[in-house]
Amino acid sequence: MNTLQRLSGFISSQQIRLVTLSGGVGSYMTGIGQLNAACSVNIIPAPLRASSADIARTLKNENCVKDVLLAAQAADVAIVGIGGCESTRRRNNHSLRLYQPGANS
């Protein structure tokens, strides 16, 4: 979410429509809400992950979900966040320790 917070000044000075691709639930939505005044925000009204393939198909067939997915396909630019560098570094360091020969678990 830090990426969008840093871009909020630029976003508010342009005609930008934000379309999320990660589902409209969870703590992620707190940061998106901060941008709502800066631009038009379209949120997929579904979770990021479904509990079954049948539920995923059902959600994709909902008109409100289809509309947001079509808007995403029409985008001129896509910005993908991968999380904070610090949290990624911690996970990577932990993984490296796990796989080092002779390392303590």
PDB file of N, CA and C in Angstrom:
ATOM      1  N   MET A   1       0.821  -1.189   0.000  1.00  0.00           N
ATOM      2  CA  MET A   1       0.000   0.000   0.000  1.00  0.00           C
ATOM      3  C   MET A   1       0.863   1.249   0.000  1.00  0.00           C
ATOM      4  N   ASN A   2       2.087   1.145   0.441  1.00  0.00           N
ATOM      5  CA  ASN A   2       2.992   2.283   0.473  1.00  0.00           C
ATOM      6  C   ASN A   2       3.156   2.890  -0.919  1.00  0.00           C
ATOM      7  N   THR A   3       3.168   2.061  -1.952  1.00  0.00           N
ATOM      8  CA  THR A   3       3.307   2.552  -3.326  1.00  0.00           C
ATOM      9  C   THR A   3       2.176   3.510  -3.674  1.00  0.00           C
ATOM     10  N   LEU A   4       0.944   3.124  -3.388  1.00  0.00           N
ATOM     11  CA  LEU A   4      -0.199   3.982  -3.707  1.00  0.00           C
ATOM     12  C   LEU A   4      -0.212   5.244  -2.864  1.00  0.00           C
ATOM     13  N   GLN A   5       0.219   5.142  -1.611  1.00  0.00           N
ATOM     14  CA  GLN A   5       0.279   6.336  -0.768  1.00  0.00           C
ATOM     15  C   GLN A   5       1.280   7.331  -1.340  1.00  0.00           C
ATOM     16  N   ARG A   6       2.404   6.844  -1.828  1.00  0.00           N
ATOM     17  CA  ARG A   6       3.412   7.733  -2.414  1.00  0.00           C
ATOM     18  C   ARG A   6       2.934   8.342  -3.727  1.00  0.00           C
ATOM     19  N   LEU A   7       2.083   7.628  -4.438  1.00  0.00           N
ATOM     20  CA  LEU A   7       1.572   8.120  -5.718  1.00  0.00           C
ATOM     21  C   LEU A   7       0.326   8.986  -5.582  1.00  0.00           C
ATOM     22  N   SER A   8      -0.232   9.097  -4.379  1.00  0.00           N
ATOM     23  CA  SER A   8      -1.524   9.774  -4.236  1.00  0.00           C
ATOM     24  C   SER A   8      -1.496  11.221  -4.721  1.00  0.00           C
ATOM     25  N   GLY A   9      -0.404  11.944  -4.528  1.00  0.00           N
ATOM     26  CA  GLY A   9      -0.312  13.315  -5.025  1.00  0.00           C
ATOM     27  C   GLY A   9      -0.383  13.367  -6.538  1.00  0.00           C
ATOM     28  N   PHE A  10       0.339  12.470  -7.194  1.00  0.00           N
ATOM     29  CA  PHE A  10       0.312  12.397  -8.651  1.00  0.00           C
ATOM     30  C   PHE A  10      -1.070  11.967  -9.140  1.00  0.00           C
ATOM     31  N   ILE A  11      -1.630  10.970  -8.479  1.00  0.00           N
ATOM     32  CA  ILE A  11      -2.939  10.453  -8.879  1.00  0.00           C
ATOM     33  C   ILE A  11      -3.999  11.543  -8.824  1.00  0.00           C
ATOM     34  N   SER A  12      -3.968  12.353  -7.774  1.00  0.00           N
ATOM     35  CA  SER A  12      -4.999  13.388  -7.633  1.00  0.00           C
ATOM     36  C   SER A  12      -4.855  14.495  -8.669  1.00  0.00           C
ATOM     37  N   SER A  13      -3.675  14.641  -9.288  1.00  0.00           N
ATOM     38  CA  SER A  13      -3.477  15.693 -10.287  1.00  0.00           C
ATOM     39  C   SER A  13      -3.760  15.201 -11.713  1.00  0.00           C
ATOM     40  N   GLN A  14      -4.107  13.962 -11.880  1.00  0.00           N
ATOM     41  CA  GLN A  14      -4.352  13.367 -13.198  1.00  0.00           C
ATOM     42  C   GLN A  14      -5.781  12.834 -13.263  1.00  0.00           C
ATOM     43  N   GLN A  15      -6.199  12.483 -14.453  1.00  0.00           N
ATOM     44  CA  GLN A  15      -7.492  11.805 -14.600  1.00  0.00           C
ATOM     45  C   GLN A  15      -7.213  10.306 -14.601  1.00  0.00           C
ATOM     46  N   ILE A  16      -7.152   9.747 -13.414  1.00  0.00           N
ATOM     47  CA  ILE A  16      -6.791   8.344 -13.263  1.00  0.00           C
ATOM     48  C   ILE A  16      -7.955   7.579 -12.657  1.00  0.00           C
ATOM     49  N   ARG A  17      -8.172   6.414 -13.192  1.00  0.00           N
ATOM     50  CA  ARG A  17      -9.171   5.489 -12.648  1.00  0.00           C
ATOM     51  C   ARG A  17      -8.404   4.281 -12.136  1.00  0.00           C
ATOM     52  N   LEU A  18      -8.539   3.988 -10.872  1.00  0.00           N
ATOM     53  CA  LEU A  18      -7.828   2.880 -10.251  1.00  0.00           C
ATOM     54  C   LEU A  18      -8.724   1.654 -10.219  1.00  0.00           C
ATOM     55  N   VAL A  19      -8.201   0.542 -10.717  1.00  0.00           N
ATOM     56  CA  VAL A  19      -8.925  -0.723 -10.708  1.00  0.00           C
ATOM     57  C   VAL A  19      -8.071  -1.727  -9.955  1.00  0.00           C
ATOM     58  N   THR A  20      -8.581  -2.232  -8.839  1.00  0.00           N
ATOM     59  CA  THR A  20      -7.809  -3.219  -8.083  1.00  0.00           C
ATOM     60  C   THR A  20      -8.008  -4.599  -8.686  1.00  0.00           C
ATOM     61  N   LEU A  21      -6.990  -5.426  -8.563  1.00  0.00           N
ATOM     62  CA  LEU A  21      -7.067  -6.782  -9.097  1.00  0.00           C
ATOM     63  C   LEU A  21      -6.898  -7.829  -8.007  1.00  0.00           C
ATOM     64  N   SER A  22      -6.920  -7.412  -6.763  1.00  0.00           N
ATOM     65  CA  SER A  22      -6.628  -8.367  -5.692  1.00  0.00           C
ATOM     66  C   SER A  22      -7.821  -8.679  -4.804  1.00  0.00           C
ATOM     67  N   GLY A  23      -8.988  -8.384  -5.235  1.00  0.00           N
ATOM     68  CA  GLY A  23     -10.162  -8.689  -4.419  1.00  0.00           C
ATOM     69  C   GLY A  23     -10.483  -7.553  -3.470  1.00  0.00           C
ATOM     70  N   GLY A  24     -11.732  -7.418  -3.150  1.00  0.00           N
ATOM     71  CA  GLY A  24     -12.178  -6.279  -2.353  1.00  0.00           C
ATOM     72  C   GLY A  24     -12.419  -6.592  -0.902  1.00  0.00           C
ATOM     73  N   VAL A  25     -11.544  -7.348  -0.297  1.00  0.00           N
ATOM     74  CA  VAL A  25     -11.701  -7.673   1.121  1.00  0.00           C
ATOM     75  C   VAL A  25     -10.349  -7.600   1.821  1.00  0.00           C
ATOM     76  N   GLY A  26     -10.369  -7.442   3.127  1.00  0.00           N
ATOM     77  CA  GLY A  26      -9.154  -7.511   3.922  1.00  0.00           C
ATOM     78  C   GLY A  26      -8.542  -6.169   4.249  1.00  0.00           C
ATOM     79  N   SER A  27      -7.391  -6.209   4.923  1.00  0.00           N
ATOM     80  CA  SER A  27      -6.714  -4.994   5.379  1.00  0.00           C
ATOM     81  C   SER A  27      -6.224  -4.140   4.217  1.00  0.00           C
ATOM     82  N   TYR A  28      -6.059  -4.747   3.056  1.00  0.00           N
ATOM     83  CA  TYR A  28      -5.648  -4.033   1.851  1.00  0.00           C
ATOM     84  C   TYR A  28      -6.588  -2.865   1.559  1.00  0.00           C
ATOM     85  N   MET A  29      -7.843  -3.032   1.883  1.00  0.00           N
ATOM     86  CA  MET A  29      -8.849  -2.034   1.554  1.00  0.00           C
ATOM     87  C   MET A  29      -8.678  -0.732   2.329  1.00  0.00           C
ATOM     88  N   THR A  30      -8.014  -0.763   3.464  1.00  0.00           N
ATOM     89  CA  THR A  30      -7.789   0.454   4.241  1.00  0.00           C
ATOM     90  C   THR A  30      -7.015   1.470   3.414  1.00  0.00           C
ATOM     91  N   GLY A  31      -5.933   1.062   2.781  1.00  0.00           N
ATOM     92  CA  GLY A  31      -5.124   1.960   1.964  1.00  0.00           C
ATOM     93  C   GLY A  31      -5.845   2.432   0.721  1.00  0.00           C
ATOM     94  N   ILE A  32      -6.598   1.555   0.092  1.00  0.00           N
ATOM     95  CA  ILE A  32      -7.357   1.934  -1.097  1.00  0.00           C
ATOM     96  C   ILE A  32      -8.362   3.018  -0.748  1.00  0.00           C
ATOM     97  N   GLY A  33      -8.967   2.918   0.416  1.00  0.00           N
ATOM     98  CA  GLY A  33      -9.938   3.913   0.860  1.00  0.00           C
ATOM     99  C   GLY A  33      -9.343   5.303   0.948  1.00  0.00           C
ATOM    100  N   GLN A  34      -8.044   5.395   1.239  1.00  0.00           N
ATOM    101  CA  GLN A  34      -7.379   6.690   1.319  1.00  0.00           C
ATOM    102  C   GLN A  34      -7.299   7.359  -0.048  1.00  0.00           C
ATOM    103  N   LEU A  35      -7.313   6.574  -1.107  1.00  0.00           N
ATOM    104  CA  LEU A  35      -7.217   7.132  -2.457  1.00  0.00           C
ATOM    105  C   LEU A  35      -8.571   7.506  -3.034  1.00  0.00           C
ATOM    106  N   ASN A  36      -9.632   7.087  -2.414  1.00  0.00           N
ATOM    107  CA  ASN A  36     -10.965   7.276  -2.973  1.00  0.00           C
ATOM    108  C   ASN A  36     -11.255   8.734  -3.319  1.00  0.00           C
ATOM    109  N   ALA A  37     -10.756   9.666  -2.523  1.00  0.00           N
ATOM    110  CA  ALA A  37     -10.984  11.084  -2.807  1.00  0.00           C
ATOM    111  C   ALA A  37     -10.099  11.575  -3.948  1.00  0.00           C
ATOM    112  N   ALA A  38      -8.970  10.898  -4.185  1.00  0.00           N
ATOM    113  CA  ALA A  38      -8.018  11.341  -5.198  1.00  0.00           C
ATOM    114  C   ALA A  38      -8.406  10.903  -6.607  1.00  0.00           C
ATOM    115  N   CYS A  39      -9.138   9.808  -6.735  1.00  0.00           N
ATOM    116  CA  CYS A  39      -9.482   9.304  -8.059  1.00  0.00           C
ATOM    117  C   CYS A  39     -10.653   8.339  -7.961  1.00  0.00           C
ATOM    118  N   SER A  40     -11.130   7.927  -9.120  1.00  0.00           N
ATOM    119  CA  SER A  40     -12.176   6.918  -9.183  1.00  0.00           C
ATOM    120  C   SER A  40     -11.559   5.564  -8.853  1.00  0.00           C
ATOM    121  N   VAL A  41     -12.150   4.838  -7.918  1.00  0.00           N
ATOM    122  CA  VAL A  41     -11.622   3.537  -7.499  1.00  0.00           C
ATOM    123  C   VAL A  41     -12.659   2.460  -7.800  1.00  0.00           C
ATOM    124  N   ASN A  42     -12.243   1.436  -8.541  1.00  0.00           N
ATOM    125  CA  ASN A  42     -13.102   0.290  -8.835  1.00  0.00           C
ATOM    126  C   ASN A  42     -12.493  -0.938  -8.173  1.00  0.00           C
ATOM    127  N   ILE A  43     -13.266  -1.566  -7.320  1.00  0.00           N
ATOM    128  CA  ILE A  43     -12.781  -2.690  -6.533  1.00  0.00           C
ATOM    129  C   ILE A  43     -13.542  -3.945  -6.939  1.00  0.00           C
ATOM    130  N   ILE A  44     -12.825  -5.037  -7.133  1.00  0.00           N
ATOM    131  CA  ILE A  44     -13.491  -6.301  -7.427  1.00  0.00           C
ATOM    132  C   ILE A  44     -14.261  -6.724  -6.175  1.00  0.00           C
ATOM    133  N   PRO A  45     -15.571  -6.849  -6.279  1.00  0.00           N
ATOM    134  CA  PRO A  45     -16.371  -7.202  -5.101  1.00  0.00           C
ATOM    135  C   PRO A  45     -16.347  -8.707  -4.827  1.00  0.00           C
ATOM    136  N   ALA A  46     -15.139  -9.219  -4.620  1.00  0.00           N
ATOM    137  CA  ALA A  46     -14.954 -10.647  -4.379  1.00  0.00           C
ATOM    138  C   ALA A  46     -13.625 -10.845  -3.658  1.00  0.00           C
ATOM    139  N   PRO A  47     -13.470 -11.965  -2.984  1.00  0.00           N
ATOM    140  CA  PRO A  47     -12.182 -12.229  -2.332  1.00  0.00           C
ATOM    141  C   PRO A  47     -11.096 -12.538  -3.360  1.00  0.00           C
ATOM    142  N   LEU A  48      -9.846 -12.417  -2.946  1.00  0.00           N
ATOM    143  CA  LEU A  48      -8.715 -12.728  -3.821  1.00  0.00           C
ATOM    144  C   LEU A  48      -8.716 -14.209  -4.185  1.00  0.00           C
ATOM    145  N   ARG A  49      -9.023 -15.049  -3.216  1.00  0.00           N
ATOM    146  CA  ARG A  49      -9.033 -16.495  -3.439  1.00  0.00           C
ATOM    147  C   ARG A  49     -10.406 -17.057  -3.088  1.00  0.00           C
ATOM    148  N   ALA A  50     -10.851 -17.994  -3.891  1.00  0.00           N
ATOM    149  CA  ALA A  50     -12.116 -18.681  -3.616  1.00  0.00           C
ATOM    150  C   ALA A  50     -11.805 -20.066  -3.044  1.00  0.00           C
ATOM    151  N   SER A  51     -12.740 -20.614  -2.327  1.00  0.00           N
ATOM    152  CA  SER A  51     -12.504 -21.910  -1.687  1.00  0.00           C
ATOM    153  C   SER A  51     -12.633 -23.088  -2.651  1.00  0.00           C
ATOM    154  N   SER A  52     -13.169 -22.843  -3.837  1.00  0.00           N
ATOM    155  CA  SER A  52     -13.265 -23.918  -4.829  1.00  0.00           C
ATOM    156  C   SER A  52     -13.322 -23.311  -6.231  1.00  0.00           C
ATOM    157  N   ALA A  53     -13.061 -24.158  -7.213  1.00  0.00           N
ATOM    158  CA  ALA A  53     -13.131 -23.710  -8.609  1.00  0.00           C
ATOM    159  C   ALA A  53     -14.561 -23.316  -8.977  1.00  0.00           C
ATOM    160  N   ASP A  54     -15.536 -24.030  -8.437  1.00  0.00           N
ATOM    161  CA  ASP A  54     -16.943 -23.699  -8.721  1.00  0.00           C
ATOM    162  C   ASP A  54     -17.300 -22.306  -8.217  1.00  0.00           C
ATOM    163  N   ILE A  55     -16.863 -21.983  -7.013  1.00  0.00           N
ATOM    164  CA  ILE A  55     -17.147 -20.654  -6.457  1.00  0.00           C
ATOM    165  C   ILE A  55     -16.431 -19.583  -7.271  1.00  0.00           C
ATOM    166  N   ALA A  56     -15.193 -19.861  -7.690  1.00  0.00           N
ATOM    167  CA  ALA A  56     -14.451 -18.898  -8.518  1.00  0.00           C
ATOM    168  C   ALA A  56     -15.194 -18.632  -9.825  1.00  0.00           C
ATOM    169  N   ARG A  57     -15.684 -19.685 -10.469  1.00  0.00           N
ATOM    170  CA  ARG A  57     -16.445 -19.513 -11.718  1.00  0.00           C
ATOM    171  C   ARG A  57     -17.715 -18.706 -11.480  1.00  0.00           C
ATOM    172  N   THR A  58     -18.395 -19.005 -10.384  1.00  0.00           N
ATOM    173  CA  THR A  58     -19.625 -18.272 -10.061  1.00  0.00           C
ATOM    174  C   THR A  58     -19.335 -16.793  -9.866  1.00  0.00           C
ATOM    175  N   LEU A  59     -18.271 -16.479  -9.121  1.00  0.00           N
ATOM    176  CA  LEU A  59     -17.909 -15.077  -8.887  1.00  0.00           C
ATOM    177  C   LEU A  59     -17.554 -14.375 -10.195  1.00  0.00           C
ATOM    178  N   LYS A  60     -16.784 -15.052 -11.056  1.00  0.00           N
ATOM    179  CA  LYS A  60     -16.390 -14.454 -12.335  1.00  0.00           C
ATOM    180  C   LYS A  60     -17.585 -14.181 -13.235  1.00  0.00           C
ATOM    181  N   ASN A  61     -18.663 -14.922 -13.054  1.00  0.00           N
ATOM    182  CA  ASN A  61     -19.863 -14.728 -13.870  1.00  0.00           C
ATOM    183  C   ASN A  61     -20.784 -13.638 -13.350  1.00  0.00           C
ATOM    184  N   GLU A  62     -20.516 -13.121 -12.166  1.00  0.00           N
ATOM    185  CA  GLU A  62     -21.312 -12.014 -11.626  1.00  0.00           C
ATOM    186  C   GLU A  62     -21.021 -10.749 -12.436  1.00  0.00           C
ATOM    187  N   ASN A  63     -22.049 -10.020 -12.829  1.00  0.00           N
ATOM    188  CA  ASN A  63     -21.862  -8.816 -13.647  1.00  0.00           C
ATOM    189  C   ASN A  63     -20.962  -7.789 -12.983  1.00  0.00           C
ATOM    190  N   CYS A  64     -21.099  -7.604 -11.671  1.00  0.00           N
ATOM    191  CA  CYS A  64     -20.280  -6.593 -10.996  1.00  0.00           C
ATOM    192  C   CYS A  64     -18.796  -6.974 -11.017  1.00  0.00           C
ATOM    193  N   VAL A  65     -18.492  -8.257 -10.974  1.00  0.00           N
ATOM    194  CA  VAL A  65     -17.100  -8.711 -11.065  1.00  0.00           C
ATOM    195  C   VAL A  65     -16.624  -8.590 -12.512  1.00  0.00           C
ATOM    196  N   LYS A  66     -17.444  -9.010 -13.459  1.00  0.00           N
ATOM    197  CA  LYS A  66     -17.094  -8.905 -14.881  1.00  0.00           C
ATOM    198  C   LYS A  66     -16.768  -7.465 -15.270  1.00  0.00           C
ATOM    199  N   ASP A  67     -17.569  -6.517 -14.793  1.00  0.00           N
ATOM    200  CA  ASP A  67     -17.353  -5.106 -15.138  1.00  0.00           C
ATOM    201  C   ASP A  67     -15.976  -4.623 -14.697  1.00  0.00           C
ATOM    202  N   VAL A  68     -15.570  -4.989 -13.496  1.00  0.00           N
ATOM    203  CA  VAL A  68     -14.264  -4.550 -12.997  1.00  0.00           C
ATOM    204  C   VAL A  68     -13.146  -5.251 -13.767  1.00  0.00           C
ATOM    205  N   LEU A  69     -13.311  -6.528 -14.070  1.00  0.00           N
ATOM    206  CA  LEU A  69     -12.293  -7.245 -14.840  1.00  0.00           C
ATOM    207  C   LEU A  69     -12.157  -6.668 -16.251  1.00  0.00           C
ATOM    208  N   LEU A  70     -13.264  -6.271 -16.863  1.00  0.00           N
ATOM    209  CA  LEU A  70     -13.202  -5.628 -18.183  1.00  0.00           C
ATOM    210  C   LEU A  70     -12.491  -4.280 -18.104  1.00  0.00           C
ATOM    211  N   ALA A  71     -12.744  -3.528 -17.041  1.00  0.00           N
ATOM    212  CA  ALA A  71     -12.049  -2.249 -16.855  1.00  0.00           C
ATOM    213  C   ALA A  71     -10.551  -2.478 -16.706  1.00  0.00           C
ATOM    214  N   ALA A  72     -10.172  -3.526 -16.010  1.00  0.00           N
ATOM    215  CA  ALA A  72      -8.748  -3.837 -15.838  1.00  0.00           C
ATOM    216  C   ALA A  72      -8.104  -4.200 -17.174  1.00  0.00           C
ATOM    217  N   GLN A  73      -8.814  -4.935 -18.011  1.00  0.00           N
ATOM    218  CA  GLN A  73      -8.282  -5.310 -19.322  1.00  0.00           C
ATOM    219  C   GLN A  73      -8.072  -4.094 -20.216  1.00  0.00           C
ATOM    220  N   ALA A  74      -8.833  -3.044 -19.999  1.00  0.00           N
ATOM    221  CA  ALA A  74      -8.727  -1.833 -20.818  1.00  0.00           C
ATOM    222  C   ALA A  74      -7.675  -0.859 -20.291  1.00  0.00           C
ATOM    223  N   ALA A  75      -6.980  -1.224 -19.235  1.00  0.00           N
ATOM    224  CA  ALA A  75      -6.014  -0.307 -18.610  1.00  0.00           C
ATOM    225  C   ALA A  75      -4.851   0.013 -19.540  1.00  0.00           C
ATOM    226  N   ASP A  76      -4.380   1.258 -19.457  1.00  0.00           N
ATOM    227  CA  ASP A  76      -3.189   1.673 -20.197  1.00  0.00           C
ATOM    228  C   ASP A  76      -1.917   1.294 -19.446  1.00  0.00           C
ATOM    229  N   VAL A  77      -2.001   1.261 -18.121  1.00  0.00           N
ATOM    230  CA  VAL A  77      -0.836   0.985 -17.280  1.00  0.00           C
ATOM    231  C   VAL A  77      -1.260   0.069 -16.143  1.00  0.00           C
ATOM    232  N   ALA A  78      -0.391  -0.865 -15.785  1.00  0.00           N
ATOM    233  CA  ALA A  78      -0.628  -1.720 -14.619  1.00  0.00           C
ATOM    234  C   ALA A  78       0.532  -1.539 -13.646  1.00  0.00           C
ATOM    235  N   ILE A  79       0.201  -1.365 -12.383  1.00  0.00           N
ATOM    236  CA  ILE A  79       1.214  -1.251 -11.333  1.00  0.00           C
ATOM    237  C   ILE A  79       1.018  -2.437 -10.408  1.00  0.00           C
ATOM    238  N   VAL A  80       2.079  -3.199 -10.217  1.00  0.00           N
ATOM    239  CA  VAL A  80       1.998  -4.379  -9.373  1.00  0.00           C
ATOM    240  C   VAL A  80       2.905  -4.189  -8.173  1.00  0.00           C
ATOM    241  N   GLY A  81       2.352  -4.298  -6.977  1.00  0.00           N
ATOM    242  CA  GLY A  81       3.146  -4.209  -5.757  1.00  0.00           C
ATOM    243  C   GLY A  81       3.497  -5.598  -5.267  1.00  0.00           C
ATOM    244  N   ILE A  82       4.692  -5.739  -4.731  1.00  0.00           N
ATOM    245  CA  ILE A  82       5.125  -7.049  -4.245  1.00  0.00           C
ATOM    246  C   ILE A  82       5.339  -7.052  -2.740  1.00  0.00           C
ATOM    247  N   GLY A  83       4.932  -5.999  -2.071  1.00  0.00           N
ATOM    248  CA  GLY A  83       5.130  -5.923  -0.627  1.00  0.00           C
ATOM    249  C   GLY A  83       6.343  -5.089  -0.300  1.00  0.00           C
ATOM    250  N   GLY A  84       6.515  -4.810   0.972  1.00  0.00           N
ATOM    251  CA  GLY A  84       7.644  -4.008   1.420  1.00  0.00           C
ATOM    252  C   GLY A  84       8.958  -4.751   1.305  1.00  0.00           C
ATOM    253  N   CYS A  85      10.021  -4.032   1.023  1.00  0.00           N
ATOM    254  CA  CYS A  85      11.339  -4.654   0.892  1.00  0.00           C
ATOM    255  C   CYS A  85      11.779  -5.305   2.195  1.00  0.00           C
ATOM    256  N   GLU A  86      11.483  -4.654   3.313  1.00  0.00           N
ATOM    257  CA  GLU A  86      11.928  -5.197   4.592  1.00  0.00           C
ATOM    258  C   GLU A  86      11.280  -6.546   4.873  1.00  0.00           C
ATOM    259  N   SER A  87       9.982  -6.654   4.659  1.00  0.00           N
ATOM    260  CA  SER A  87       9.310  -7.925   4.932  1.00  0.00           C
ATOM    261  C   SER A  87       9.788  -9.009   3.972  1.00  0.00           C
ATOM    262  N   THR A  88      10.045  -8.649   2.715  1.00  0.00           N
ATOM    263  CA  THR A  88      10.549  -9.617   1.747  1.00  0.00           C
ATOM    264  C   THR A  88      11.939 -10.077   2.145  1.00  0.00           C
ATOM    265  N   ARG A  89      12.771  -9.140   2.566  1.00  0.00           N
ATOM    266  CA  ARG A  89      14.133  -9.486   2.967  1.00  0.00           C
ATOM    267  C   ARG A  89      14.097 -10.461   4.136  1.00  0.00           C
ATOM    268  N   ARG A  90      13.233 -10.206   5.116  1.00  0.00           N
ATOM    269  CA  ARG A  90      13.142 -11.099   6.271  1.00  0.00           C
ATOM    270  C   ARG A  90      12.739 -12.498   5.830  1.00  0.00           C
ATOM    271  N   ARG A  91      11.773 -12.613   4.954  1.00  0.00           N
ATOM    272  CA  ARG A  91      11.354 -13.939   4.488  1.00  0.00           C
ATOM    273  C   ARG A  91      12.489 -14.620   3.742  1.00  0.00           C
ATOM    274  N   ASN A  92      13.176 -13.875   2.885  1.00  0.00           N
ATOM    275  CA  ASN A  92      14.265 -14.470   2.123  1.00  0.00           C
ATOM    276  C   ASN A  92      15.399 -14.917   3.032  1.00  0.00           C
ATOM    277  N   ASN A  93      15.761 -14.099   4.018  1.00  0.00           N
ATOM    278  CA  ASN A  93      16.825 -14.487   4.940  1.00  0.00           C
ATOM    279  C   ASN A  93      16.436 -15.746   5.693  1.00  0.00           C
ATOM    280  N   HIS A  94      15.199 -15.818   6.128  1.00  0.00           N
ATOM    281  CA  HIS A  94      14.725 -16.999   6.845  1.00  0.00           C
ATOM    282  C   HIS A  94      14.835 -18.224   5.936  1.00  0.00           C
ATOM    283  N   SER A  95      14.414 -18.092   4.687  1.00  0.00           N
ATOM    284  CA  SER A  95      14.481 -19.209   3.752  1.00  0.00           C
ATOM    285  C   SER A  95      15.919 -19.624   3.508  1.00  0.00           C
ATOM    286  N   LEU A  96      16.816 -18.644   3.376  1.00  0.00           N
ATOM    287  CA  LEU A  96      18.218 -18.973   3.146  1.00  0.00           C
ATOM    288  C   LEU A  96      18.801 -19.747   4.320  1.00  0.00           C
ATOM    289  N   ARG A  97      18.455 -19.349   5.536  1.00  0.00           N
ATOM    290  CA  ARG A  97      18.956 -20.072   6.706  1.00  0.00           C
ATOM    291  C   ARG A  97      18.440 -21.506   6.713  1.00  0.00           C
ATOM    292  N   LEU A  98      17.204 -21.706   6.283  1.00  0.00           N
ATOM    293  CA  LEU A  98      16.647 -23.053   6.269  1.00  0.00           C
ATOM    294  C   LEU A  98      17.405 -23.970   5.323  1.00  0.00           C
ATOM    295  N   TYR A  99      17.880 -23.423   4.220  1.00  0.00           N
ATOM    296  CA  TYR A  99      18.491 -24.256   3.194  1.00  0.00           C
ATOM    297  C   TYR A  99      20.012 -24.298   3.258  1.00  0.00           C
ATOM    298  N   GLN A 100      20.626 -23.565   4.152  1.00  0.00           N
ATOM    299  CA  GLN A 100      22.077 -23.605   4.256  1.00  0.00           C
ATOM    300  C   GLN A 100      22.503 -24.911   4.921  1.00  0.00           C
ATOM    301  N   PRO A 101      23.468 -25.616   4.335  1.00  0.00           N
ATOM    302  CA  PRO A 101      23.938 -26.857   4.952  1.00  0.00           C
ATOM    303  C   PRO A 101      24.488 -26.577   6.352  1.00  0.00           C
ATOM    304  N   GLY A 102      24.102 -27.373   7.311  1.00  0.00           N
ATOM    305  CA  GLY A 102      24.606 -27.232   8.673  1.00  0.00           C
ATOM    306  C   GLY A 102      23.952 -26.131   9.475  1.00  0.00           C
ATOM    307  N   ALA A 103      22.983 -25.402   8.904  1.00  0.00           N
ATOM    308  CA  ALA A 103      22.324 -24.311   9.633  1.00  0.00           C
ATOM    309  C   ALA A 103      21.359 -24.890  10.655  1.00  0.00           C
ATOM    310  N   ASN A 104      21.245 -24.197  11.775  1.00  0.00           N
ATOM    311  CA  ASN A 104      20.284 -24.615  12.797  1.00  0.00           C
ATOM    312  C   ASN A 104      18.878 -24.297  12.329  1.00  0.00           C
ATOM    313  N   SER A 105      17.927 -25.158  12.639  1.00  0.00           N
ATOM    314  CA  SER A 105      16.532 -24.914  12.246  1.00  0.00           C
ATOM    315  C   SER A 105      15.884 -23.935  13.169  1.00  0.00           C
TER     316      SER A 105
END
